[in-house]
């Protein structure tokens, strides 16, 4: 298992930006497909972004495409989510997750991930 700790959340005005980080410890980081999910109050957890083991491939939810960027630094055991042009509807707890898969695999579904962080709150005011 890998342990994940998110940081970087906060309160920001609409149109602003935040950079979320997720630090991993435990098994070799570059063996994991990584993903970001979010859960707003009263709603189900939803997929946000995913990145392959080497970082060569990425995938995004339509709602964040063009505004959010996922990246990873395998030397630092960290995955990032750069969030730009934030909207009030982006308000949620953001979770990072680690899963197994092939070299170029992307994980779009929560069941593909075995390890989850505790989450970091992002609040976007109008």
Foldseek 3Di string as FASTA:
>chain_A
DKAKAKDWADEEAAQAKIKMKIAIDDPQLLQWKKFKWWDDPPGDIAGAKIAFSVRPDIDGDPVQPPFWDWGDDSVRRMIMIIGGRDDQVVWTWMKMFIAGDDRGDTDRDPVRGDYIYPTDTHGYHD
